[in-house]
Protein backbone atom coordinates (compact mmCIF):
# COMPACT_ATOMS: atom_id res chain seq x y z
CA UNK A 1 -53.82 -27.35 -152.50
CA UNK A 2 -53.61 -24.07 -150.56
CA UNK A 3 -49.99 -23.66 -151.68
CA UNK A 4 -50.98 -24.13 -155.34
CA UNK A 5 -53.17 -21.03 -155.23
CA UNK A 6 -51.14 -19.11 -152.66
CA UNK A 7 -48.01 -19.28 -154.82
CA UNK A 8 -50.04 -17.95 -157.78
CA UNK A 9 -49.96 -21.21 -159.72
CA UNK A 10 -53.68 -21.10 -160.36
CA UNK A 11 -56.74 -18.90 -160.01
CA UNK A 12 -59.11 -19.58 -157.15
CA UNK A 13 -62.63 -18.31 -157.66
CA UNK A 14 -63.26 -17.20 -154.10
CA UNK A 15 -66.66 -17.36 -152.49
CA UNK A 16 -68.35 -18.12 -149.18
CA UNK A 17 -68.00 -21.88 -149.62
CA UNK A 18 -64.34 -21.77 -150.67
CA UNK A 19 -63.48 -19.68 -147.59
CA UNK A 20 -65.40 -22.05 -145.33
CA UNK A 21 -63.71 -25.10 -146.81
CA UNK A 22 -60.15 -23.76 -146.89
CA UNK A 23 -60.37 -22.72 -143.22
CA UNK A 24 -62.22 -25.62 -141.61
CA UNK A 25 -60.87 -28.36 -143.87
CA UNK A 26 -57.41 -27.31 -142.65
CA UNK A 27 -58.19 -26.66 -138.99
CA UNK A 28 -59.76 -30.12 -138.64
CA UNK A 29 -56.27 -31.69 -138.73
CA UNK A 30 -55.34 -30.03 -135.44
CA UNK A 31 -55.81 -31.82 -132.11
CA UNK A 32 -59.36 -31.23 -130.93
CA UNK A 33 -58.29 -29.16 -127.91
CA UNK A 34 -56.45 -26.66 -130.14
CA UNK A 35 -59.24 -26.61 -132.73
CA UNK A 36 -61.85 -26.04 -130.02
CA UNK A 37 -59.80 -23.40 -128.21
CA UNK A 38 -59.45 -21.34 -131.40
CA UNK A 39 -63.19 -21.40 -132.07
CA UNK A 40 -64.10 -20.72 -128.44
CA UNK A 41 -61.70 -17.77 -128.07
CA UNK A 42 -62.89 -16.20 -131.32
CA UNK A 43 -66.46 -15.64 -130.08
CA UNK A 44 -67.79 -12.23 -129.14
CA UNK A 45 -69.61 -13.85 -126.23
CA UNK A 46 -68.30 -17.18 -125.03
CA UNK A 47 -71.20 -19.57 -124.57
CA UNK A 48 -69.39 -22.77 -125.49
CA UNK A 49 -68.29 -25.46 -123.02
CA UNK A 50 -64.75 -25.14 -121.71
CA UNK A 51 -63.94 -28.72 -122.69
CA UNK A 52 -65.40 -30.25 -125.84
CA UNK A 53 -64.19 -33.82 -125.69
CA UNK A 54 -63.03 -35.43 -128.91
CA UNK A 55 -64.35 -34.20 -132.25
CA UNK A 56 -66.28 -37.18 -133.58
CA UNK A 57 -66.95 -35.78 -137.05
CA UNK A 58 -66.99 -32.65 -139.15
CA UNK A 59 -69.10 -32.39 -142.29
CA UNK A 60 -69.88 -29.73 -144.85
CA UNK A 61 -73.17 -28.85 -146.54
CA UNK A 62 -75.15 -31.83 -145.31
CA UNK A 63 -78.65 -32.14 -146.71
CA UNK A 64 -81.17 -32.49 -143.90
CA UNK A 65 -84.88 -33.27 -143.90
CA UNK A 66 -86.78 -30.00 -144.50
CA UNK A 67 -90.02 -31.04 -142.79
CA UNK A 68 -91.61 -28.10 -140.92
CA UNK A 69 -89.22 -25.60 -142.49
CA UNK A 70 -89.73 -23.05 -145.27
CA UNK A 71 -87.42 -25.04 -147.58
CA UNK A 72 -89.04 -27.34 -150.09
CA UNK A 73 -86.30 -29.95 -150.65
CA UNK A 74 -83.65 -29.93 -147.93
CA UNK A 75 -81.81 -27.75 -145.43
CA UNK A 76 -78.05 -27.33 -145.86
CA UNK A 77 -75.91 -26.13 -142.90
CA UNK A 78 -72.40 -24.99 -143.83
CA UNK A 79 -70.42 -26.86 -141.16
CA UNK A 80 -71.62 -29.47 -138.68
CA UNK A 81 -69.47 -30.57 -135.74
CA UNK A 82 -70.32 -33.57 -133.60
CA UNK A 83 -68.98 -34.26 -130.11
CA UNK A 84 -70.03 -36.79 -127.49
CA UNK A 85 -72.13 -34.43 -125.40
CA UNK A 86 -73.21 -31.79 -127.90
CA UNK A 87 -73.32 -30.74 -131.56
CA UNK A 88 -72.45 -27.46 -133.28
CA UNK A 89 -73.88 -25.88 -136.43
CA UNK A 90 -71.80 -23.15 -138.07
CA UNK A 91 -73.58 -20.88 -140.52
CA UNK A 92 -70.90 -18.97 -142.42
CA UNK A 93 -71.32 -15.79 -144.45
CA UNK A 94 -68.64 -14.39 -146.73
CA UNK A 95 -68.80 -10.73 -145.69
CA UNK A 96 -69.83 -8.69 -142.67
CA UNK A 97 -72.79 -7.01 -144.35
CA UNK A 98 -75.81 -8.24 -142.40
CA UNK A 99 -76.10 -11.54 -144.22
CA UNK A 100 -77.20 -13.76 -141.35
CA UNK A 101 -80.85 -14.75 -141.58
CA UNK A 102 -83.13 -15.56 -138.65
CA UNK A 103 -85.32 -17.67 -140.93
CA UNK A 104 -82.31 -19.66 -142.13
CA UNK A 105 -81.22 -20.22 -138.55
CA UNK A 106 -84.70 -21.47 -137.58
CA UNK A 107 -84.75 -23.80 -140.58
CA UNK A 108 -81.37 -25.30 -139.71
CA UNK A 109 -82.32 -25.84 -136.07
CA UNK A 110 -85.62 -27.46 -137.05
CA UNK A 111 -83.86 -29.66 -139.62
CA UNK A 112 -81.24 -30.66 -137.05
CA UNK A 113 -83.98 -31.97 -134.76
CA UNK A 114 -85.65 -33.67 -137.71
CA UNK A 115 -82.44 -35.67 -138.11
CA UNK A 116 -81.07 -36.01 -134.57
CA UNK A 117 -84.00 -35.69 -132.18
CA UNK A 118 -83.28 -39.10 -130.66
CA UNK A 119 -79.68 -38.21 -129.78
CA UNK A 120 -80.84 -35.80 -127.06
CA UNK A 121 -77.73 -33.65 -127.32
CA UNK A 122 -77.27 -29.97 -126.54
CA UNK A 123 -77.05 -27.88 -129.72
CA UNK A 124 -74.95 -24.76 -130.29
CA UNK A 125 -75.41 -22.51 -133.30
CA UNK A 126 -72.52 -20.26 -134.40
CA UNK A 127 -73.11 -17.32 -136.72
CA UNK A 128 -69.80 -16.76 -138.51
CA UNK A 129 -69.63 -13.50 -140.47
CA UNK A 130 -72.54 -11.51 -141.86
CA UNK A 131 -73.49 -10.25 -138.40
CA UNK A 132 -76.18 -7.60 -138.06
CA UNK A 133 -74.57 -6.38 -134.82
CA UNK A 134 -71.97 -7.54 -132.30
CA UNK A 135 -74.26 -7.57 -129.27
CA UNK A 136 -75.08 -10.82 -127.55
CA UNK A 137 -77.84 -12.81 -129.23
CA UNK A 138 -80.76 -14.32 -127.33
CA UNK A 139 -80.76 -18.08 -127.25
CA UNK A 140 -83.34 -19.86 -129.39
CA UNK A 141 -86.11 -21.93 -127.83
CA UNK A 142 -87.16 -25.05 -129.71
CA UNK A 143 -90.01 -26.91 -127.99
CA UNK A 144 -88.51 -27.74 -124.55
CA UNK A 145 -84.90 -27.15 -125.63
CA UNK A 146 -82.67 -24.10 -125.64
CA UNK A 147 -80.17 -23.64 -128.46
CA UNK A 148 -77.32 -21.31 -127.55
CA UNK A 149 -76.59 -18.76 -130.29
CA UNK A 150 -72.93 -17.71 -130.59
CA UNK A 151 -71.36 -15.06 -132.81
CA UNK A 152 -68.00 -14.43 -134.42
CA UNK A 153 -66.56 -13.23 -137.70
CA UNK A 154 -63.67 -14.20 -139.98
CA UNK A 155 -61.40 -11.45 -138.68
CA UNK A 156 -61.71 -12.62 -135.07
CA UNK A 157 -61.24 -16.24 -136.12
CA UNK A 158 -58.08 -15.35 -138.04
CA UNK A 159 -56.82 -13.31 -135.09
CA UNK A 160 -57.06 -16.34 -132.80
CA UNK A 161 -55.36 -18.57 -135.36
CA UNK A 162 -52.45 -16.12 -135.56
CA UNK A 163 -52.23 -15.93 -131.75
CA UNK A 164 -52.16 -19.73 -131.50
CA UNK A 165 -49.55 -19.92 -134.26
CA UNK A 166 -47.30 -17.45 -132.45
CA UNK A 167 -47.74 -19.32 -129.18
CA UNK A 168 -46.68 -22.60 -130.77
CA UNK A 169 -43.64 -20.97 -132.35
CA UNK A 170 -42.28 -20.41 -128.85
CA UNK A 171 -42.01 -24.19 -128.48
CA UNK A 172 -39.50 -26.42 -130.24
CA UNK A 173 -40.86 -29.96 -130.54
CA UNK A 174 -41.63 -31.57 -133.91
CA UNK A 175 -45.30 -31.86 -132.91
CA UNK A 176 -45.59 -28.08 -132.51
CA UNK A 177 -43.91 -27.55 -135.89
CA UNK A 178 -46.51 -29.85 -137.47
CA UNK A 179 -49.32 -27.79 -135.93
CA UNK A 180 -47.64 -24.56 -137.09
CA UNK A 181 -47.64 -25.83 -140.68
CA UNK A 182 -51.38 -26.50 -140.44
CA UNK A 183 -52.06 -23.05 -139.01
CA UNK A 184 -49.90 -21.32 -141.61
CA UNK A 185 -51.79 -23.10 -144.38
CA UNK A 186 -54.99 -21.78 -142.79
CA UNK A 187 -53.56 -18.25 -142.62
CA UNK A 188 -52.59 -18.50 -146.31
CA UNK A 189 -56.11 -19.67 -147.08
CA UNK A 190 -57.47 -16.56 -145.38
CA UNK A 191 -55.09 -14.41 -147.45
CA UNK A 192 -56.47 -15.93 -150.65
CA UNK A 193 -59.82 -14.50 -149.58
CA UNK A 194 -58.36 -11.07 -148.67
CA UNK A 195 -58.22 -11.57 -144.93
CA UNK A 196 -54.71 -10.77 -143.73
CA UNK A 197 -53.00 -11.15 -140.39
CA UNK A 198 -52.30 -7.79 -138.82
CA UNK A 199 -48.79 -6.45 -138.47
CA UNK A 200 -48.75 -3.90 -135.65
CA UNK A 201 -46.39 -0.92 -135.84
CA UNK A 202 -45.06 -1.69 -132.36
CA UNK A 203 -43.92 -5.11 -133.61
CA UNK A 204 -41.98 -3.76 -136.59
CA UNK A 205 -38.25 -3.47 -135.96
CA UNK A 206 -37.03 -0.04 -137.07
CA UNK A 207 -33.33 0.39 -137.86
CA UNK A 208 -32.58 3.74 -136.23
CA UNK A 209 -29.32 4.04 -138.17
CA UNK A 210 -31.24 4.19 -141.43
CA UNK A 211 -34.72 5.50 -140.63
CA UNK A 212 -35.43 6.62 -144.22
CA UNK A 213 -34.88 3.14 -145.58
CA UNK A 214 -36.89 1.64 -142.71
CA UNK A 215 -39.85 3.92 -143.39
CA UNK A 216 -39.73 3.03 -147.09
CA UNK A 217 -39.74 -0.65 -146.11
CA UNK A 218 -42.74 -0.06 -143.84
CA UNK A 219 -44.81 1.63 -146.56
CA UNK A 220 -43.74 -1.03 -149.06
CA UNK A 221 -45.12 -3.66 -146.66
CA UNK A 222 -48.40 -1.76 -146.31
CA UNK A 223 -48.85 -1.42 -150.10
CA UNK A 224 -48.05 -5.09 -150.60
CA UNK A 225 -50.80 -6.16 -148.18
CA UNK A 226 -53.58 -3.86 -149.37
């Protein structure tokens, strides 16, 4: 499906939900340790466990009981990850323009405990995009529990995906090539939403025998990726 739009065979109406789905619906096919490592390394302040254990489930836009929240019908987290020892809510925002809402975060945490109070798991809440600032966020107290608040954005997440992709390319087994295909689909999904992997000048190979042509190639690359 990513290739259909990436190769300009159709028009994707991009939005917050399409970005969330194209990224996490693709990443979920990776082994849990790679999936978890990418998320963990993308954070501005790493508050997540070093080892996650197996990913039991990933769901999108669940509808949770809104009791004791400001919502009238239900509460809808963007992404919900379940592991043996803990759970993770990801609240995604499309742009980095102060879109995260404290009230929305409180509602989602309350609704989580409405649904899963008996599980007695640790809860982590990740703000993805829409950050008001990049400073560390205080953890959230809910009754006798502490919910750790983590922060990242789409650019940092993409950066870690590219790093992991490059790392795997140094290996040669068929398993690594399978993971590379998954990551490259994810990178293409980012590109559909105007998030591009960075090409650093130091990594560009300049042909010193034909510097004029090389410079033209460089600027052509820059224009192409604007």
